[in-house]
PDB file of N, CA and C in Angstrom:
ATOM      1  N   MET A   1     201.102 155.696 173.942  1.00  0.00           N
ATOM      2  CA  MET A   1     201.395 156.458 172.741  1.00  0.00           C
ATOM      3  C   MET A   1     200.320 156.214 171.671  1.00  0.00           C
ATOM      4  N   ARG A   2     199.889 154.941 171.535  1.00  0.00           N
ATOM      5  CA  ARG A   2     198.869 154.641 170.521  1.00  0.00           C
ATOM      6  C   ARG A   2     197.550 155.321 170.857  1.00  0.00           C
ATOM      7  N   ALA A   3     197.182 155.301 172.130  1.00  0.00           N
ATOM      8  CA  ALA A   3     195.928 155.936 172.551  1.00  0.00           C
ATOM      9  C   ALA A   3     195.988 157.436 172.304  1.00  0.00           C
ATOM     10  N   SER A   4     197.097 158.036 172.648  1.00  0.00           N
ATOM     11  CA  SER A   4     197.263 159.480 172.462  1.00  0.00           C
ATOM     12  C   SER A   4     197.178 159.852 170.991  1.00  0.00           C
ATOM     13  N   SER A   5     197.846 159.095 170.139  1.00  0.00           N
ATOM     14  CA  SER A   5     197.818 159.376 168.702  1.00  0.00           C
ATOM     15  C   SER A   5     196.407 159.255 168.139  1.00  0.00           C
ATOM     16  N   ALA A   6     195.695 158.212 168.551  1.00  0.00           N
ATOM     17  CA  ALA A   6     194.328 158.007 168.059  1.00  0.00           C
ATOM     18  C   ALA A   6     193.411 159.138 168.509  1.00  0.00           C
ATOM     19  N   LEU A   7     193.558 159.571 169.759  1.00  0.00           N
ATOM     20  CA  LEU A   7     192.717 160.663 170.255  1.00  0.00           C
ATOM     21  C   LEU A   7     193.067 161.988 169.581  1.00  0.00           C
ATOM     22  N   GLU A   8     194.342 162.198 169.305  1.00  0.00           N
ATOM     23  CA  GLU A   8     194.734 163.413 168.591  1.00  0.00           C
ATOM     24  C   GLU A   8     194.123 163.431 167.192  1.00  0.00           C
ATOM     25  N   ARG A   9     194.108 162.289 166.513  1.00  0.00           N
ATOM     26  CA  ARG A   9     193.480 162.218 165.187  1.00  0.00           C
ATOM     27  C   ARG A   9     191.988 162.534 165.289  1.00  0.00           C
ATOM     28  N   CYS A  10     191.355 162.007 166.311  1.00  0.00           N
ATOM     29  CA  CYS A  10     189.926 162.247 166.506  1.00  0.00           C
ATOM     30  C   CYS A  10     189.655 163.736 166.763  1.00  0.00           C
ATOM     31  N   ILE A  11     190.434 164.334 167.642  1.00  0.00           N
ATOM     32  CA  ILE A  11     190.263 165.756 167.945  1.00  0.00           C
ATOM     33  C   ILE A  11     190.494 166.599 166.703  1.00  0.00           C
ATOM     34  N   ASP A  12     191.546 166.296 165.965  1.00  0.00           N
ATOM     35  CA  ASP A  12     191.821 167.032 164.726  1.00  0.00           C
ATOM     36  C   ASP A  12     190.667 166.892 163.740  1.00  0.00           C
ATOM     37  N   GLY A  13     190.110 165.687 163.655  1.00  0.00           N
ATOM     38  CA  GLY A  13     188.985 165.455 162.760  1.00  0.00           C
ATOM     39  C   GLY A  13     187.750 166.234 163.151  1.00  0.00           C
ATOM     40  N   VAL A  14     187.478 166.300 164.447  1.00  0.00           N
ATOM     41  CA  VAL A  14     186.314 167.056 164.927  1.00  0.00           C
ATOM     42  C   VAL A  14     186.519 168.544 164.666  1.00  0.00           C
ATOM     43  N   GLN A  15     187.724 169.035 164.945  1.00  0.00           N
ATOM     44  CA  GLN A  15     187.996 170.463 164.759  1.00  0.00           C
ATOM     45  C   GLN A  15     187.975 170.876 163.295  1.00  0.00           C
ATOM     46  N   SER A  16     188.449 170.015 162.408  1.00  0.00           N
ATOM     47  CA  SER A  16     188.473 170.367 160.989  1.00  0.00           C
ATOM     48  C   SER A  16     187.109 170.210 160.339  1.00  0.00           C
ATOM     49  N   GLY A  17     186.264 169.352 160.916  1.00  0.00           N
ATOM     50  CA  GLY A  17     184.930 169.136 160.371  1.00  0.00           C
ATOM     51  C   GLY A  17     184.967 168.296 159.104  1.00  0.00           C
ATOM     52  N   GLY A  18     183.836 167.786 158.737  1.00  0.00           N
ATOM     53  CA  GLY A  18     183.727 167.023 157.504  1.00  0.00           C
ATOM     54  C   GLY A  18     184.263 165.608 157.566  1.00  0.00           C
ATOM     55  N   ILE A  19     184.746 165.176 158.711  1.00  0.00           N
ATOM     56  CA  ILE A  19     185.254 163.816 158.855  1.00  0.00           C
ATOM     57  C   ILE A  19     184.059 162.907 159.181  1.00  0.00           C
ATOM     58  N   PRO A  20     183.887 161.826 158.440  1.00  0.00           N
ATOM     59  CA  PRO A  20     182.764 160.919 158.725  1.00  0.00           C
ATOM     60  C   PRO A  20     182.815 160.389 160.164  1.00  0.00           C
ATOM     61  N   ILE A  21     181.660 160.279 160.751  1.00  0.00           N
ATOM     62  CA  ILE A  21     181.554 159.820 162.142  1.00  0.00           C
ATOM     63  C   ILE A  21     182.152 158.427 162.304  1.00  0.00           C
ATOM     64  N   SER A  22     182.100 157.622 161.257  1.00  0.00           N
ATOM     65  CA  SER A  22     182.669 156.274 161.339  1.00  0.00           C
ATOM     66  C   SER A  22     184.188 156.317 161.521  1.00  0.00           C
ATOM     67  N   ILE A  23     184.838 157.305 160.927  1.00  0.00           N
ATOM     68  CA  ILE A  23     186.285 157.465 161.093  1.00  0.00           C
ATOM     69  C   ILE A  23     186.584 157.905 162.521  1.00  0.00           C
ATOM     70  N   LEU A  24     185.812 158.850 163.032  1.00  0.00           N
ATOM     71  CA  LEU A  24     186.010 159.312 164.409  1.00  0.00           C
ATOM     72  C   LEU A  24     185.787 158.166 165.391  1.00  0.00           C
ATOM     73  N   ALA A  25     184.751 157.381 165.156  1.00  0.00           N
ATOM     74  CA  ALA A  25     184.475 156.239 166.036  1.00  0.00           C
ATOM     75  C   ALA A  25     185.608 155.223 165.982  1.00  0.00           C
ATOM     76  N   SER A  26     186.174 155.042 164.815  1.00  0.00           N
ATOM     77  CA  SER A  26     187.290 154.118 164.668  1.00  0.00           C
ATOM     78  C   SER A  26     188.498 154.579 165.478  1.00  0.00           C
ATOM     79  N   ASP A  27     188.771 155.883 165.459  1.00  0.00           N
ATOM     80  CA  ASP A  27     189.880 156.422 166.247  1.00  0.00           C
ATOM     81  C   ASP A  27     189.627 156.253 167.743  1.00  0.00           C
ATOM     82  N   ILE A  28     188.390 156.477 168.166  1.00  0.00           N
ATOM     83  CA  ILE A  28     188.059 156.309 169.586  1.00  0.00           C
ATOM     84  C   ILE A  28     188.201 154.845 169.990  1.00  0.00           C
ATOM     85  N   LYS A  29     187.738 153.943 169.141  1.00  0.00           N
ATOM     86  CA  LYS A  29     187.887 152.511 169.438  1.00  0.00           C
ATOM     87  C   LYS A  29     189.351 152.123 169.543  1.00  0.00           C
ATOM     88  N   GLU A  30     190.171 152.658 168.650  1.00  0.00           N
ATOM     89  CA  GLU A  30     191.603 152.356 168.693  1.00  0.00           C
ATOM     90  C   GLU A  30     192.221 152.843 170.003  1.00  0.00           C
ATOM     91  N   ALA A  31     191.836 154.040 170.435  1.00  0.00           N
ATOM     92  CA  ALA A  31     192.343 154.569 171.699  1.00  0.00           C
ATOM     93  C   ALA A  31     191.897 153.699 172.870  1.00  0.00           C
ATOM     94  N   LEU A  32     190.628 153.297 172.861  1.00  0.00           N
ATOM     95  CA  LEU A  32     190.118 152.444 173.939  1.00  0.00           C
ATOM     96  C   LEU A  32     190.822 151.097 173.974  1.00  0.00           C
ATOM     97  N   ASN A  33     191.079 150.534 172.815  1.00  0.00           N
ATOM     98  CA  ASN A  33     191.786 149.257 172.764  1.00  0.00           C
ATOM     99  C   ASN A  33     193.194 149.384 173.322  1.00  0.00           C
ATOM    100  N   ALA A  34     193.870 150.487 173.005  1.00  0.00           N
ATOM    101  CA  ALA A  34     195.222 150.706 173.514  1.00  0.00           C
ATOM    102  C   ALA A  34     195.204 150.857 175.033  1.00  0.00           C
ATOM    103  N   LEU A  35     194.231 151.591 175.545  1.00  0.00           N
ATOM    104  CA  LEU A  35     194.119 151.763 176.994  1.00  0.00           C
ATOM    105  C   LEU A  35     193.710 150.464 177.674  1.00  0.00           C
ATOM    106  N   ASP A  36     192.932 149.672 176.971  1.00  0.00           N
ATOM    107  CA  ASP A  36     192.486 148.383 177.509  1.00  0.00           C
ATOM    108  C   ASP A  36     193.673 147.489 177.863  1.00  0.00           C
ATOM    109  N   GLU A  37     194.724 147.587 177.090  1.00  0.00           N
ATOM    110  CA  GLU A  37     195.916 146.797 177.368  1.00  0.00           C
ATOM    111  C   GLU A  37     196.544 147.188 178.702  1.00  0.00           C
ATOM    112  N   ILE A  38     196.339 148.412 179.122  1.00  0.00           N
ATOM    113  CA  ILE A  38     196.933 148.910 180.366  1.00  0.00           C
ATOM    114  C   ILE A  38     196.025 148.652 181.565  1.00  0.00           C
ATOM    115  N   VAL A  39     194.740 148.980 181.429  1.00  0.00           N
ATOM    116  CA  VAL A  39     193.843 148.961 182.589  1.00  0.00           C
ATOM    117  C   VAL A  39     192.861 147.800 182.624  1.00  0.00           C
ATOM    118  N   GLY A  40     192.783 147.030 181.578  1.00  0.00           N
ATOM    119  CA  GLY A  40     191.840 145.913 181.545  1.00  0.00           C
ATOM    120  C   GLY A  40     190.692 146.174 180.600  1.00  0.00           C
ATOM    121  N   LYS A  41     189.827 145.190 180.491  1.00  0.00           N
ATOM    122  CA  LYS A  41     188.720 145.209 179.532  1.00  0.00           C
ATOM    123  C   LYS A  41     187.730 146.324 179.817  1.00  0.00           C
ATOM    124  N   THR A  42     187.362 147.049 178.767  1.00  0.00           N
ATOM    125  CA  THR A  42     186.296 148.048 178.845  1.00  0.00           C
ATOM    126  C   THR A  42     185.183 147.629 177.906  1.00  0.00           C
ATOM    127  N   PHE A  43     184.037 148.171 178.101  1.00  0.00           N
ATOM    128  CA  PHE A  43     182.897 147.880 177.237  1.00  0.00           C
ATOM    129  C   PHE A  43     182.810 148.996 176.200  1.00  0.00           C
ATOM    130  N   THR A  44     183.531 148.809 175.118  1.00  0.00           N
ATOM    131  CA  THR A  44     183.697 149.821 174.089  1.00  0.00           C
ATOM    132  C   THR A  44     182.370 150.335 173.558  1.00  0.00           C
ATOM    133  N   GLU A  45     181.463 149.445 173.231  1.00  0.00           N
ATOM    134  CA  GLU A  45     180.188 149.875 172.659  1.00  0.00           C
ATOM    135  C   GLU A  45     179.404 150.750 173.637  1.00  0.00           C
ATOM    136  N   ASP A  46     179.447 150.425 174.928  1.00  0.00           N
ATOM    137  CA  ASP A  46     178.758 151.244 175.927  1.00  0.00           C
ATOM    138  C   ASP A  46     179.358 152.644 175.992  1.00  0.00           C
ATOM    139  N   ILE A  47     180.684 152.714 175.973  1.00  0.00           N
ATOM    140  CA  ILE A  47     181.354 154.009 176.048  1.00  0.00           C
ATOM    141  C   ILE A  47     181.056 154.829 174.804  1.00  0.00           C
ATOM    142  N   LEU A  48     181.168 154.225 173.635  1.00  0.00           N
ATOM    143  CA  LEU A  48     180.863 154.949 172.398  1.00  0.00           C
ATOM    144  C   LEU A  48     179.398 155.390 172.379  1.00  0.00           C
ATOM    145  N   GLY A  49     178.520 154.539 172.860  1.00  0.00           N
ATOM    146  CA  GLY A  49     177.109 154.903 172.924  1.00  0.00           C
ATOM    147  C   GLY A  49     176.875 156.135 173.783  1.00  0.00           C
ATOM    148  N   ARG A  50     177.560 156.190 174.916  1.00  0.00           N
ATOM    149  CA  ARG A  50     177.435 157.361 175.798  1.00  0.00           C
ATOM    150  C   ARG A  50     178.002 158.613 175.141  1.00  0.00           C
ATOM    151  N   ILE A  51     179.144 158.478 174.487  1.00  0.00           N
ATOM    152  CA  ILE A  51     179.773 159.639 173.836  1.00  0.00           C
ATOM    153  C   ILE A  51     178.880 160.170 172.726  1.00  0.00           C
ATOM    154  N   PHE A  52     178.446 159.276 171.828  1.00  0.00           N
ATOM    155  CA  PHE A  52     177.709 159.735 170.655  1.00  0.00           C
ATOM    156  C   PHE A  52     176.232 160.015 170.943  1.00  0.00           C
ATOM    157  N   SER A  53     175.737 159.644 172.111  1.00  0.00           N
ATOM    158  CA  SER A  53     174.358 159.999 172.455  1.00  0.00           C
ATOM    159  C   SER A  53     174.232 161.496 172.713  1.00  0.00           C
ATOM    160  N   LYS A  54     175.358 162.154 172.945  1.00  0.00           N
ATOM    161  CA  LYS A  54     175.361 163.593 173.211  1.00  0.00           C
ATOM    162  C   LYS A  54     175.394 164.423 171.926  1.00  0.00           C
ATOM    163  N   PHE A  55     175.619 163.781 170.775  1.00  0.00           N
ATOM    164  CA  PHE A  55     175.719 164.474 169.502  1.00  0.00           C
ATOM    165  C   PHE A  55     174.492 164.171 168.652  1.00  0.00           C
ATOM    166  N   CYS A  56     174.072 165.176 167.892  1.00  0.00           N
ATOM    167  CA  CYS A  56     172.995 164.968 166.923  1.00  0.00           C
ATOM    168  C   CYS A  56     173.634 164.512 165.630  1.00  0.00           C
ATOM    169  N   ILE A  57     173.447 163.254 165.301  1.00  0.00           N
ATOM    170  CA  ILE A  57     174.078 162.694 164.101  1.00  0.00           C
ATOM    171  C   ILE A  57     172.981 162.445 163.069  1.00  0.00           C
ATOM    172  N   GLY A  58     173.009 163.220 161.997  1.00  0.00           N
ATOM    173  CA  GLY A  58     172.018 163.085 160.935  1.00  0.00           C
ATOM    174  C   GLY A  58     172.482 162.089 159.894  1.00  0.00           C
ATOM    175  N   LYS A  59     171.550 161.632 159.099  1.00  0.00           N
ATOM    176  CA  LYS A  59     171.879 160.689 158.023  1.00  0.00           C
ATOM    177  C   LYS A  59     171.814 161.385 156.691  1.00  0.00           C
TER     178      LYS A  59
END
């Protein structure tokens, strides 16, 4: 339930636009942590790196 809620917040944020990338990353980390409790340790930074390497993030 926690993972689903965090991912829904992330999706809503992406669809609405204007949400800082740090907030989206925080939601993804929260989802990964929740799933980690079920399936075991994941390498969060590696996964986030792969996800955000596909996006052009300007400063």
